[in-house]
N, C-alpha and C. Protein backbone atom coordinates (compact mmCIF):
# COMPACT_ATOMS: atom_id res chain seq x y z
N MET A 1 27.82 -133.41 -18.37
CA MET A 1 26.94 -132.78 -19.05
C MET A 1 26.49 -134.13 -20.47
N PRO A 2 25.28 -134.31 -20.57
CA PRO A 2 24.63 -135.00 -21.23
C PRO A 2 25.21 -134.42 -23.04
N HIS A 3 25.46 -135.48 -24.02
CA HIS A 3 25.68 -134.87 -25.35
C HIS A 3 24.53 -134.93 -26.30
N ARG A 4 24.06 -133.81 -26.82
CA ARG A 4 23.10 -133.60 -27.76
C ARG A 4 23.28 -134.02 -29.18
N LYS A 5 22.82 -134.69 -29.96
CA LYS A 5 23.27 -134.58 -31.07
C LYS A 5 22.72 -133.57 -32.09
N LEU A 6 23.38 -133.02 -33.11
CA LEU A 6 23.06 -132.08 -33.91
C LEU A 6 22.58 -132.61 -35.10
N SER A 7 21.73 -132.19 -35.89
CA SER A 7 20.72 -132.48 -37.00
C SER A 7 21.27 -131.85 -38.01
N GLN A 8 21.75 -132.43 -39.08
CA GLN A 8 22.24 -131.26 -40.42
C GLN A 8 21.50 -132.51 -41.45
N LYS A 9 21.21 -131.60 -42.56
CA LYS A 9 20.12 -131.95 -43.20
C LYS A 9 21.18 -132.09 -44.37
N ALA A 10 21.19 -133.08 -45.52
CA ALA A 10 22.06 -132.90 -46.52
C ALA A 10 21.56 -132.15 -47.46
N GLY A 11 22.66 -131.34 -48.14
CA GLY A 11 22.17 -130.58 -49.43
C GLY A 11 21.82 -129.28 -49.14
N LYS A 12 21.83 -128.92 -47.58
CA LYS A 12 21.99 -127.55 -47.54
C LYS A 12 22.97 -126.90 -46.53
N PRO A 13 23.07 -125.50 -47.18
CA PRO A 13 24.48 -124.70 -46.68
C PRO A 13 24.61 -124.79 -44.93
N PRO A 14 25.93 -124.79 -44.69
CA PRO A 14 25.73 -124.47 -42.75
C PRO A 14 24.89 -123.60 -42.68
N GLY A 15 24.66 -123.87 -41.41
CA GLY A 15 23.85 -122.42 -40.79
C GLY A 15 22.25 -122.78 -40.76
N THR A 16 22.08 -123.51 -42.46
CA THR A 16 20.49 -123.08 -42.55
C THR A 16 19.67 -123.42 -41.55
N MET A 17 18.77 -122.78 -41.17
CA MET A 17 17.83 -123.38 -40.05
C MET A 17 16.77 -124.08 -40.39
N GLU A 18 16.68 -125.22 -39.79
CA GLU A 18 15.65 -126.05 -40.22
C GLU A 18 14.80 -126.77 -38.66
N TYR A 19 13.27 -126.65 -38.93
CA TYR A 19 12.87 -127.10 -37.97
C TYR A 19 12.84 -128.87 -37.56
N THR A 20 13.39 -129.34 -36.40
CA THR A 20 13.63 -130.79 -36.13
C THR A 20 12.61 -130.62 -35.08
N GLY A 21 12.00 -130.07 -34.31
CA GLY A 21 10.67 -130.90 -33.48
C GLY A 21 9.80 -131.55 -34.17
N HIS A 22 8.73 -131.83 -33.02
CA HIS A 22 7.13 -133.03 -33.48
C HIS A 22 7.07 -131.81 -34.39
N ARG A 23 6.24 -132.40 -35.35
CA ARG A 23 5.23 -131.50 -36.02
C ARG A 23 3.58 -131.99 -35.62
N THR A 24 2.95 -130.47 -35.56
CA THR A 24 1.78 -130.61 -34.92
C THR A 24 0.60 -130.69 -35.89
N GLU A 25 -0.72 -131.31 -36.48
CA GLU A 25 -1.45 -130.66 -37.18
C GLU A 25 -2.10 -129.99 -36.56
N THR A 26 -2.02 -129.04 -36.06
CA THR A 26 -2.83 -128.11 -35.26
C THR A 26 -3.90 -127.06 -36.15
N PRO A 27 -4.98 -126.95 -36.63
CA PRO A 27 -5.24 -125.85 -37.72
C PRO A 27 -5.27 -124.31 -36.78
N THR A 28 -4.75 -123.75 -37.98
CA THR A 28 -4.17 -122.41 -37.92
C THR A 28 -5.91 -121.49 -37.48
N ARG A 29 -5.65 -120.72 -36.66
CA ARG A 29 -6.97 -119.93 -36.03
C ARG A 29 -6.51 -118.57 -36.40
N ILE A 30 -7.58 -117.79 -37.25
CA ILE A 30 -7.12 -115.90 -37.09
C ILE A 30 -8.79 -115.16 -36.28
N ILE A 31 -8.19 -114.76 -35.06
CA ILE A 31 -9.34 -113.95 -34.86
C ILE A 31 -9.06 -112.52 -34.39
N ALA A 32 -9.83 -111.49 -35.41
CA ALA A 32 -9.62 -110.00 -35.71
C ALA A 32 -10.46 -109.08 -34.39
N VAL A 33 -9.97 -108.11 -33.80
CA VAL A 33 -10.52 -107.93 -32.68
C VAL A 33 -10.55 -106.62 -33.18
N LYS A 34 -11.88 -105.83 -32.70
CA LYS A 34 -11.82 -104.47 -32.83
C LYS A 34 -12.32 -103.74 -31.32
N PHE A 35 -11.82 -102.52 -30.93
CA PHE A 35 -11.94 -102.48 -30.08
C PHE A 35 -12.13 -100.83 -29.61
N GLY A 36 -12.77 -100.02 -28.66
CA GLY A 36 -12.33 -98.52 -28.42
C GLY A 36 -13.44 -98.24 -27.13
N ALA A 37 -13.12 -96.78 -26.55
CA ALA A 37 -13.80 -96.63 -25.70
C ALA A 37 -14.98 -96.91 -25.06
N ASP A 38 -16.19 -97.16 -26.38
CA ASP A 38 -17.40 -98.10 -26.02
C ASP A 38 -17.47 -98.88 -26.86
N HIS A 39 -17.15 -99.81 -26.96
CA HIS A 39 -17.05 -101.25 -28.06
C HIS A 39 -16.09 -102.31 -27.90
N PHE A 40 -16.28 -103.58 -27.93
CA PHE A 40 -15.30 -104.14 -28.07
C PHE A 40 -16.00 -105.64 -29.06
N ARG A 41 -15.14 -105.91 -30.00
CA ARG A 41 -15.57 -107.16 -30.86
C ARG A 41 -14.90 -107.61 -31.26
N SER A 42 -14.56 -109.35 -31.18
CA SER A 42 -13.49 -110.12 -31.49
C SER A 42 -14.29 -110.82 -32.58
N SER A 43 -14.05 -111.93 -33.46
CA SER A 43 -14.50 -112.84 -34.90
C SER A 43 -13.50 -113.67 -35.32
N GLU A 44 -13.65 -114.59 -34.90
CA GLU A 44 -12.61 -115.94 -35.92
C GLU A 44 -13.10 -115.93 -37.45
N ILE A 45 -11.71 -115.47 -37.85
CA ILE A 45 -12.01 -115.40 -39.47
C ILE A 45 -11.63 -116.52 -39.85
N THR A 46 -12.58 -117.02 -41.08
CA THR A 46 -12.45 -118.06 -41.54
C THR A 46 -12.11 -118.16 -43.25
N SER A 47 -12.22 -117.06 -43.54
CA SER A 47 -12.21 -116.38 -45.19
C SER A 47 -11.79 -115.34 -45.42
N PRO A 48 -10.96 -114.93 -46.32
CA PRO A 48 -10.46 -113.52 -46.93
C PRO A 48 -11.94 -112.12 -47.07
N GLU A 49 -12.94 -112.84 -47.67
CA GLU A 49 -14.74 -112.53 -47.55
C GLU A 49 -14.69 -112.36 -45.96
N MET A 50 -14.67 -112.87 -45.16
CA MET A 50 -15.17 -112.76 -43.58
C MET A 50 -14.10 -111.42 -43.34
N LEU A 51 -13.23 -111.87 -43.37
CA LEU A 51 -12.57 -110.40 -43.09
C LEU A 51 -12.65 -108.76 -43.69
N LYS A 52 -13.08 -109.13 -44.60
CA LYS A 52 -13.18 -107.97 -45.42
C LYS A 52 -14.72 -107.29 -44.77
N GLU A 53 -15.77 -108.08 -44.60
CA GLU A 53 -17.22 -107.62 -44.00
C GLU A 53 -16.76 -107.44 -42.62
N PHE A 54 -15.62 -107.81 -41.61
CA PHE A 54 -15.38 -107.60 -40.47
C PHE A 54 -14.68 -106.48 -40.30
N LEU A 55 -13.50 -106.06 -41.39
CA LEU A 55 -13.40 -104.53 -41.35
C LEU A 55 -14.19 -103.61 -41.55
N GLU A 56 -15.16 -103.94 -42.58
CA GLU A 56 -16.02 -102.55 -42.97
C GLU A 56 -17.22 -102.79 -42.52
N SER A 57 -17.35 -103.70 -41.10
CA SER A 57 -18.57 -103.37 -40.36
C SER A 57 -17.99 -102.00 -39.17
N ASP A 58 -19.71 -101.54 -38.67
CA ASP A 58 -19.30 -100.45 -37.60
C ASP A 58 -17.89 -100.50 -36.83
N HIS A 59 -17.82 -99.62 -36.17
CA HIS A 59 -17.27 -99.02 -35.44
C HIS A 59 -15.50 -99.62 -35.39
N GLY A 60 -15.21 -98.46 -36.52
CA GLY A 60 -13.76 -98.22 -37.08
C GLY A 60 -13.43 -99.05 -37.71
N GLY A 61 -13.92 -99.67 -38.88
CA GLY A 61 -13.23 -100.62 -40.26
C GLY A 61 -12.14 -99.74 -40.80
N LEU A 62 -11.38 -100.35 -41.07
CA LEU A 62 -10.10 -99.82 -41.64
C LEU A 62 -10.82 -99.54 -42.89
N LYS A 63 -10.26 -98.00 -43.28
CA LYS A 63 -10.75 -97.59 -44.73
C LYS A 63 -9.81 -96.61 -45.15
């Protein structure tokens, strides 16, 4: 059975969870979806204002 090196960062309490994998520079994407018996709509959200418009639009905005 191969031995796996454990990584513990200095100055942290034992058991502290810390990501040690490869970091990626992938941008975060938010896709809002609305649907019902007679409609379906999805939209990529790029700003808080765009989300507000999406939620207030026709077909079941959250109010």
